[in-house]
Amino acid sequence: CTLDDWQEALEEACHKLDVPRPLLLPR
């Protein structure tokens, strides 16, 4: 991915690891 589209890549990684996607907080 690129630095800007990391959230989409995180969703794909969660799918690959078979874990739920975490809540994304301002922190």
PDB file of all heavy atoms in Angstrom:
ATOM      1  N   CYS A   1       0.851  -1.184   0.000  1.00  0.00           N
ATOM      2  CA  CYS A   1       0.000   0.000   0.000  1.00  0.00           C
ATOM      3  C   CYS A   1       0.889   1.237   0.000  1.00  0.00           C
ATOM      4  O   CYS A   1       2.107   1.138   0.082  1.00  0.00           O
ATOM      5  CB  CYS A   1      -0.935   0.018   1.206  1.00  0.00           C
ATOM      6  SG  CYS A   1      -0.106   0.268   2.797  1.00  0.00           S
ATOM      7  N   THR A   2       0.250   2.389  -0.060  1.00  0.00           N
ATOM      8  CA  THR A   2       0.967   3.646   0.107  1.00  0.00           C
ATOM      9  C   THR A   2       0.729   4.127   1.529  1.00  0.00           C
ATOM     10  O   THR A   2      -0.119   3.589   2.243  1.00  0.00           O
ATOM     11  CB  THR A   2       0.463   4.716  -0.891  1.00  0.00           C
ATOM     12  OG1 THR A   2      -0.905   5.005  -0.592  1.00  0.00           O
ATOM     13  CG2 THR A   2       0.616   4.250  -2.324  1.00  0.00           C
ATOM     14  N   LEU A   3       1.435   5.138   1.919  1.00  0.00           N
ATOM     15  CA  LEU A   3       1.296   5.672   3.272  1.00  0.00           C
ATOM     16  C   LEU A   3      -0.115   6.192   3.518  1.00  0.00           C
ATOM     17  O   LEU A   3      -0.619   6.130   4.641  1.00  0.00           O
ATOM     18  CB  LEU A   3       2.328   6.795   3.483  1.00  0.00           C
ATOM     19  CG  LEU A   3       2.526   7.315   4.896  1.00  0.00           C
ATOM     20  CD1 LEU A   3       2.934   6.204   5.844  1.00  0.00           C
ATOM     21  CD2 LEU A   3       3.579   8.405   4.908  1.00  0.00           C
ATOM     22  N   ASP A   4      -0.784   6.674   2.467  1.00  0.00           N
ATOM     23  CA  ASP A   4      -2.109   7.273   2.626  1.00  0.00           C
ATOM     24  C   ASP A   4      -3.257   6.269   2.630  1.00  0.00           C
ATOM     25  O   ASP A   4      -4.318   6.567   3.163  1.00  0.00           O
ATOM     26  CB  ASP A   4      -2.353   8.308   1.524  1.00  0.00           C
ATOM     27  CG  ASP A   4      -1.393   9.483   1.623  1.00  0.00           C
ATOM     28  OD1 ASP A   4      -0.979   9.822   2.753  1.00  0.00           O
ATOM     29  OD2 ASP A   4      -1.046  10.047   0.573  1.00  0.00           O
ATOM     30  N   ASP A   5      -3.087   5.106   2.041  1.00  0.00           N
ATOM     31  CA  ASP A   5      -4.196   4.147   2.008  1.00  0.00           C
ATOM     32  C   ASP A   5      -3.975   2.958   2.948  1.00  0.00           C
ATOM     33  O   ASP A   5      -4.404   1.852   2.696  1.00  0.00           O
ATOM     34  CB  ASP A   5      -4.484   3.679   0.579  1.00  0.00           C
ATOM     35  CG  ASP A   5      -3.385   2.817  -0.011  1.00  0.00           C
ATOM     36  OD1 ASP A   5      -2.310   2.709   0.602  1.00  0.00           O
ATOM     37  OD2 ASP A   5      -3.611   2.248  -1.093  1.00  0.00           O
ATOM     38  N   TRP A   6      -3.359   3.224   4.077  1.00  0.00           N
ATOM     39  CA  TRP A   6      -3.032   2.173   5.040  1.00  0.00           C
ATOM     40  C   TRP A   6      -4.271   1.547   5.664  1.00  0.00           C
ATOM     41  O   TRP A   6      -4.260   0.371   6.026  1.00  0.00           O
ATOM     42  CB  TRP A   6      -2.094   2.703   6.111  1.00  0.00           C
ATOM     43  CG  TRP A   6      -2.712   3.646   7.095  1.00  0.00           C
ATOM     44  CD1 TRP A   6      -2.953   4.972   6.925  1.00  0.00           C
ATOM     45  CD2 TRP A   6      -3.184   3.326   8.400  1.00  0.00           C
ATOM     46  NE1 TRP A   6      -3.531   5.494   8.048  1.00  0.00           N
ATOM     47  CE2 TRP A   6      -3.688   4.510   8.971  1.00  0.00           C
ATOM     48  CE3 TRP A   6      -3.226   2.155   9.151  1.00  0.00           C
ATOM     49  CZ2 TRP A   6      -4.238   4.558  10.251  1.00  0.00           C
ATOM     50  CZ3 TRP A   6      -3.769   2.198  10.427  1.00  0.00           C
ATOM     51  CH2 TRP A   6      -4.262   3.392  10.969  1.00  0.00           C
ATOM     52  N   GLN A   7      -5.371   2.308   5.781  1.00  0.00           N
ATOM     53  CA  GLN A   7      -6.571   1.759   6.414  1.00  0.00           C
ATOM     54  C   GLN A   7      -7.194   0.655   5.566  1.00  0.00           C
ATOM     55  O   GLN A   7      -7.675  -0.338   6.092  1.00  0.00           O
ATOM     56  CB  GLN A   7      -7.565   2.874   6.691  1.00  0.00           C
ATOM     57  CG  GLN A   7      -7.065   3.844   7.749  1.00  0.00           C
ATOM     58  CD  GLN A   7      -8.016   4.990   7.978  1.00  0.00           C
ATOM     59  OE1 GLN A   7      -9.207   4.878   7.731  1.00  0.00           O
ATOM     60  NE2 GLN A   7      -7.503   6.103   8.452  1.00  0.00           N
ATOM     61  N   GLU A   8      -7.181   0.828   4.253  1.00  0.00           N
ATOM     62  CA  GLU A   8      -7.679  -0.224   3.364  1.00  0.00           C
ATOM     63  C   GLU A   8      -6.775  -1.452   3.448  1.00  0.00           C
ATOM     64  O   GLU A   8      -7.256  -2.590   3.448  1.00  0.00           O
ATOM     65  CB  GLU A   8      -7.742   0.282   1.931  1.00  0.00           C
ATOM     66  CG  GLU A   8      -8.762   1.378   1.719  1.00  0.00           C
ATOM     67  CD  GLU A   8      -8.665   2.003   0.341  1.00  0.00           C
ATOM     68  OE1 GLU A   8      -8.125   1.356  -0.582  1.00  0.00           O
ATOM     69  OE2 GLU A   8      -9.130   3.137   0.198  1.00  0.00           O
ATOM     70  N   ALA A   9      -5.475  -1.228   3.519  1.00  0.00           N
ATOM     71  CA  ALA A   9      -4.523  -2.341   3.637  1.00  0.00           C
ATOM     72  C   ALA A   9      -4.697  -3.046   4.981  1.00  0.00           C
ATOM     73  O   ALA A   9      -4.553  -4.272   5.061  1.00  0.00           O
ATOM     74  CB  ALA A   9      -3.099  -1.826   3.480  1.00  0.00           C
ATOM     75  N   LEU A  10      -5.018  -2.286   6.037  1.00  0.00           N
ATOM     76  CA  LEU A  10      -5.256  -2.892   7.350  1.00  0.00           C
ATOM     77  C   LEU A  10      -6.455  -3.826   7.286  1.00  0.00           C
ATOM     78  O   LEU A  10      -6.425  -4.923   7.848  1.00  0.00           O
ATOM     79  CB  LEU A  10      -5.473  -1.810   8.410  1.00  0.00           C
ATOM     80  CG  LEU A  10      -5.830  -2.305   9.809  1.00  0.00           C
ATOM     81  CD1 LEU A  10      -4.734  -3.198  10.369  1.00  0.00           C
ATOM     82  CD2 LEU A  10      -6.085  -1.120  10.734  1.00  0.00           C
ATOM     83  N   GLU A  11      -7.499  -3.405   6.581  1.00  0.00           N
ATOM     84  CA  GLU A  11      -8.669  -4.266   6.435  1.00  0.00           C
ATOM     85  C   GLU A  11      -8.299  -5.569   5.714  1.00  0.00           C
ATOM     86  O   GLU A  11      -8.721  -6.654   6.115  1.00  0.00           O
ATOM     87  CB  GLU A  11      -9.765  -3.524   5.664  1.00  0.00           C
ATOM     88  CG  GLU A  11     -11.069  -4.267   5.646  1.00  0.00           C
ATOM     89  CD  GLU A  11     -12.214  -3.404   5.174  1.00  0.00           C
ATOM     90  OE1 GLU A  11     -12.155  -2.175   5.294  1.00  0.00           O
ATOM     91  OE2 GLU A  11     -13.190  -3.992   4.676  1.00  0.00           O
ATOM     92  N   GLU A  12      -7.494  -5.465   4.673  1.00  0.00           N
ATOM     93  CA  GLU A  12      -7.047  -6.662   3.951  1.00  0.00           C
ATOM     94  C   GLU A  12      -6.193  -7.554   4.843  1.00  0.00           C
ATOM     95  O   GLU A  12      -6.325  -8.781   4.836  1.00  0.00           O
ATOM     96  CB  GLU A  12      -6.261  -6.252   2.706  1.00  0.00           C
ATOM     97  CG  GLU A  12      -5.827  -7.420   1.867  1.00  0.00           C
ATOM     98  CD  GLU A  12      -5.038  -7.008   0.630  1.00  0.00           C
ATOM     99  OE1 GLU A  12      -5.198  -5.882   0.154  1.00  0.00           O
ATOM    100  OE2 GLU A  12      -4.249  -7.851   0.149  1.00  0.00           O
ATOM    101  N   ALA A  13      -5.309  -6.949   5.633  1.00  0.00           N
ATOM    102  CA  ALA A  13      -4.457  -7.724   6.543  1.00  0.00           C
ATOM    103  C   ALA A  13      -5.289  -8.449   7.599  1.00  0.00           C
ATOM    104  O   ALA A  13      -5.024  -9.612   7.916  1.00  0.00           O
ATOM    105  CB  ALA A  13      -3.431  -6.810   7.210  1.00  0.00           C
ATOM    106  N   CYS A  14      -6.301  -7.776   8.129  1.00  0.00           N
ATOM    107  CA  CYS A  14      -7.179  -8.410   9.124  1.00  0.00           C
ATOM    108  C   CYS A  14      -7.892  -9.611   8.505  1.00  0.00           C
ATOM    109  O   CYS A  14      -8.044 -10.649   9.151  1.00  0.00           O
ATOM    110  CB  CYS A  14      -8.177  -7.407   9.670  1.00  0.00           C
ATOM    111  SG  CYS A  14      -7.442  -6.177  10.760  1.00  0.00           S
ATOM    112  N   HIS A  15      -8.314  -9.461   7.260  1.00  0.00           N
ATOM    113  CA  HIS A  15      -8.968 -10.574   6.563  1.00  0.00           C
ATOM    114  C   HIS A  15      -7.987 -11.744   6.396  1.00  0.00           C
ATOM    115  O   HIS A  15      -8.340 -12.895   6.643  1.00  0.00           O
ATOM    116  CB  HIS A  15      -9.498 -10.105   5.210  1.00  0.00           C
ATOM    117  CG  HIS A  15     -10.205 -11.170   4.452  1.00  0.00           C
ATOM    118  ND1 HIS A  15     -11.454 -11.623   4.801  1.00  0.00           N
ATOM    119  CD2 HIS A  15      -9.827 -11.893   3.361  1.00  0.00           C
ATOM    120  CE1 HIS A  15     -11.817 -12.575   3.965  1.00  0.00           C
ATOM    121  NE2 HIS A  15     -10.848 -12.764   3.075  1.00  0.00           N
ATOM    122  N   LYS A  16      -6.749 -11.448   5.995  1.00  0.00           N
ATOM    123  CA  LYS A  16      -5.733 -12.490   5.820  1.00  0.00           C
ATOM    124  C   LYS A  16      -5.426 -13.202   7.137  1.00  0.00           C
ATOM    125  O   LYS A  16      -5.192 -14.412   7.159  1.00  0.00           O
ATOM    126  CB  LYS A  16      -4.443 -11.890   5.252  1.00  0.00           C
ATOM    127  CG  LYS A  16      -4.530 -11.517   3.788  1.00  0.00           C
ATOM    128  CD  LYS A  16      -3.336 -10.711   3.338  1.00  0.00           C
ATOM    129  CE  LYS A  16      -2.113 -11.530   3.085  1.00  0.00           C
ATOM    130  NZ  LYS A  16      -1.012 -10.719   2.476  1.00  0.00           N
ATOM    131  N   LEU A  17      -5.407 -12.442   8.247  1.00  0.00           N
ATOM    132  CA  LEU A  17      -5.097 -13.012   9.555  1.00  0.00           C
ATOM    133  C   LEU A  17      -6.330 -13.581  10.264  1.00  0.00           C
ATOM    134  O   LEU A  17      -6.216 -14.146  11.342  1.00  0.00           O
ATOM    135  CB  LEU A  17      -4.443 -11.948  10.445  1.00  0.00           C
ATOM    136  CG  LEU A  17      -3.055 -11.490  10.011  1.00  0.00           C
ATOM    137  CD1 LEU A  17      -2.641 -10.242  10.781  1.00  0.00           C
ATOM    138  CD2 LEU A  17      -2.037 -12.607  10.205  1.00  0.00           C
ATOM    139  N   ASP A  18      -7.506 -13.397   9.656  1.00  0.00           N
ATOM    140  CA  ASP A  18      -8.774 -13.864  10.214  1.00  0.00           C
ATOM    141  C   ASP A  18      -9.026 -13.290  11.610  1.00  0.00           C
ATOM    142  O   ASP A  18      -9.317 -14.007  12.561  1.00  0.00           O
ATOM    143  CB  ASP A  18      -8.823 -15.393  10.238  1.00  0.00           C
ATOM    144  CG  ASP A  18     -10.243 -15.909  10.462  1.00  0.00           C
ATOM    145  OD1 ASP A  18     -11.207 -15.203  10.091  1.00  0.00           O
ATOM    146  OD2 ASP A  18     -10.386 -17.017  11.025  1.00  0.00           O
ATOM    147  N   VAL A  19      -8.869 -11.976  11.723  1.00  0.00           N
ATOM    148  CA  VAL A  19      -9.157 -11.261  12.958  1.00  0.00           C
ATOM    149  C   VAL A  19     -10.081 -10.077  12.624  1.00  0.00           C
ATOM    150  O   VAL A  19     -10.088  -9.598  11.490  1.00  0.00           O
ATOM    151  CB  VAL A  19      -7.884 -10.743  13.661  1.00  0.00           C
ATOM    152  CG1 VAL A  19      -6.998 -11.897  14.093  1.00  0.00           C
ATOM    153  CG2 VAL A  19      -7.117  -9.778  12.794  1.00  0.00           C
ATOM    154  N   PRO A  20     -10.864  -9.619  13.609  1.00  0.00           N
ATOM    155  CA  PRO A  20     -11.724  -8.470  13.335  1.00  0.00           C
ATOM    156  C   PRO A  20     -10.899  -7.197  13.151  1.00  0.00           C
ATOM    157  O   PRO A  20      -9.778  -7.089  13.658  1.00  0.00           O
ATOM    158  CB  PRO A  20     -12.612  -8.372  14.578  1.00  0.00           C
ATOM    159  CG  PRO A  20     -11.854  -9.077  15.648  1.00  0.00           C
ATOM    160  CD  PRO A  20     -11.018 -10.120  14.962  1.00  0.00           C
ATOM    161  N   ARG A  21     -11.469  -6.248  12.430  1.00  0.00           N
ATOM    162  CA  ARG A  21     -10.796  -4.967  12.249  1.00  0.00           C
ATOM    163  C   ARG A  21     -10.949  -4.151  13.541  1.00  0.00           C
ATOM    164  O   ARG A  21     -12.024  -4.084  14.111  1.00  0.00           O
ATOM    165  CB  ARG A  21     -11.422  -4.222  11.077  1.00  0.00           C
ATOM    166  CG  ARG A  21     -10.709  -2.933  10.796  1.00  0.00           C
ATOM    167  CD  ARG A  21     -11.264  -2.237   9.608  1.00  0.00           C
ATOM    168  NE  ARG A  21     -10.591  -0.955   9.470  1.00  0.00           N
ATOM    169  CZ  ARG A  21     -10.778  -0.140   8.474  1.00  0.00           C
ATOM    170  NH1 ARG A  21     -11.613  -0.447   7.520  1.00  0.00           N
ATOM    171  NH2 ARG A  21     -10.128   0.987   8.426  1.00  0.00           N
ATOM    172  N   PRO A  22      -9.879  -3.522  14.007  1.00  0.00           N
ATOM    173  CA  PRO A  22      -9.967  -2.733  15.243  1.00  0.00           C
ATOM    174  C   PRO A  22     -10.674  -1.396  15.004  1.00  0.00           C
ATOM    175  O   PRO A  22     -10.797  -0.926  13.875  1.00  0.00           O
ATOM    176  CB  PRO A  22      -8.493  -2.501  15.614  1.00  0.00           C
ATOM    177  CG  PRO A  22      -7.785  -2.542  14.298  1.00  0.00           C
ATOM    178  CD  PRO A  22      -8.522  -3.534  13.458  1.00  0.00           C
ATOM    179  N   LEU A  23     -11.128  -0.804  16.103  1.00  0.00           N
ATOM    180  CA  LEU A  23     -11.696   0.540  16.039  1.00  0.00           C
ATOM    181  C   LEU A  23     -10.556   1.520  15.821  1.00  0.00           C
ATOM    182  O   LEU A  23      -9.515   1.433  16.486  1.00  0.00           O
ATOM    183  CB  LEU A  23     -12.408   0.876  17.349  1.00  0.00           C
ATOM    184  CG  LEU A  23     -13.606   0.010  17.714  1.00  0.00           C
ATOM    185  CD1 LEU A  23     -14.084   0.362  19.116  1.00  0.00           C
ATOM    186  CD2 LEU A  23     -14.708   0.183  16.703  1.00  0.00           C
ATOM    187  N   LEU A  24     -10.736   2.445  14.925  1.00  0.00           N
ATOM    188  CA  LEU A  24      -9.715   3.428  14.617  1.00  0.00           C
ATOM    189  C   LEU A  24     -10.035   4.719  15.374  1.00  0.00           C
ATOM    190  O   LEU A  24     -11.033   5.367  15.100  1.00  0.00           O
ATOM    191  CB  LEU A  24      -9.673   3.677  13.111  1.00  0.00           C
ATOM    192  CG  LEU A  24      -8.451   4.364  12.576  1.00  0.00           C
ATOM    193  CD1 LEU A  24      -7.205   3.554  12.870  1.00  0.00           C
ATOM    194  CD2 LEU A  24      -8.586   4.579  11.091  1.00  0.00           C
ATOM    195  N   LEU A  25      -9.213   5.062  16.339  1.00  0.00           N
ATOM    196  CA  LEU A  25      -9.429   6.242  17.179  1.00  0.00           C
ATOM    197  C   LEU A  25      -8.531   7.387  16.729  1.00  0.00           C
ATOM    198  O   LEU A  25      -7.534   7.166  16.035  1.00  0.00           O
ATOM    199  CB  LEU A  25      -9.128   5.884  18.635  1.00  0.00           C
ATOM    200  CG  LEU A  25      -9.927   4.727  19.227  1.00  0.00           C
ATOM    201  CD1 LEU A  25      -9.429   4.417  20.633  1.00  0.00           C
ATOM    202  CD2 LEU A  25     -11.406   5.033  19.223  1.00  0.00           C
ATOM    203  N   PRO A  26      -8.853   8.623  17.136  1.00  0.00           N
ATOM    204  CA  PRO A  26      -7.987   9.758  16.787  1.00  0.00           C
ATOM    205  C   PRO A  26      -6.528   9.539  17.203  1.00  0.00           C
ATOM    206  O   PRO A  26      -5.609   9.965  16.527  1.00  0.00           O
ATOM    207  CB  PRO A  26      -8.619  10.928  17.536  1.00  0.00           C
ATOM    208  CG  PRO A  26     -10.061  10.564  17.659  1.00  0.00           C
ATOM    209  CD  PRO A  26     -10.066   9.062  17.833  1.00  0.00           C
ATOM    210  N   ARG A  27      -6.336   8.851  18.296  1.00  0.00           N
ATOM    211  CA  ARG A  27      -4.977   8.540  18.764  1.00  0.00           C
ATOM    212  C   ARG A  27      -4.210   7.740  17.719  1.00  0.00           C
ATOM    213  O   ARG A  27      -3.027   7.979  17.465  1.00  0.00           O
ATOM    214  CB  ARG A  27      -5.079   7.769  20.071  1.00  0.00           C
ATOM    215  CG  ARG A  27      -3.793   7.138  20.484  1.00  0.00           C
ATOM    216  CD  ARG A  27      -4.006   6.101  21.544  1.00  0.00           C
ATOM    217  NE  ARG A  27      -2.813   5.280  21.566  1.00  0.00           N
ATOM    218  CZ  ARG A  27      -2.699   4.182  22.240  1.00  0.00           C
ATOM    219  NH1 ARG A  27      -3.673   3.736  22.962  1.00  0.00           N
ATOM    220  NH2 ARG A  27      -1.593   3.494  22.209  1.00  0.00           N
TER     221      ARG A  27
END
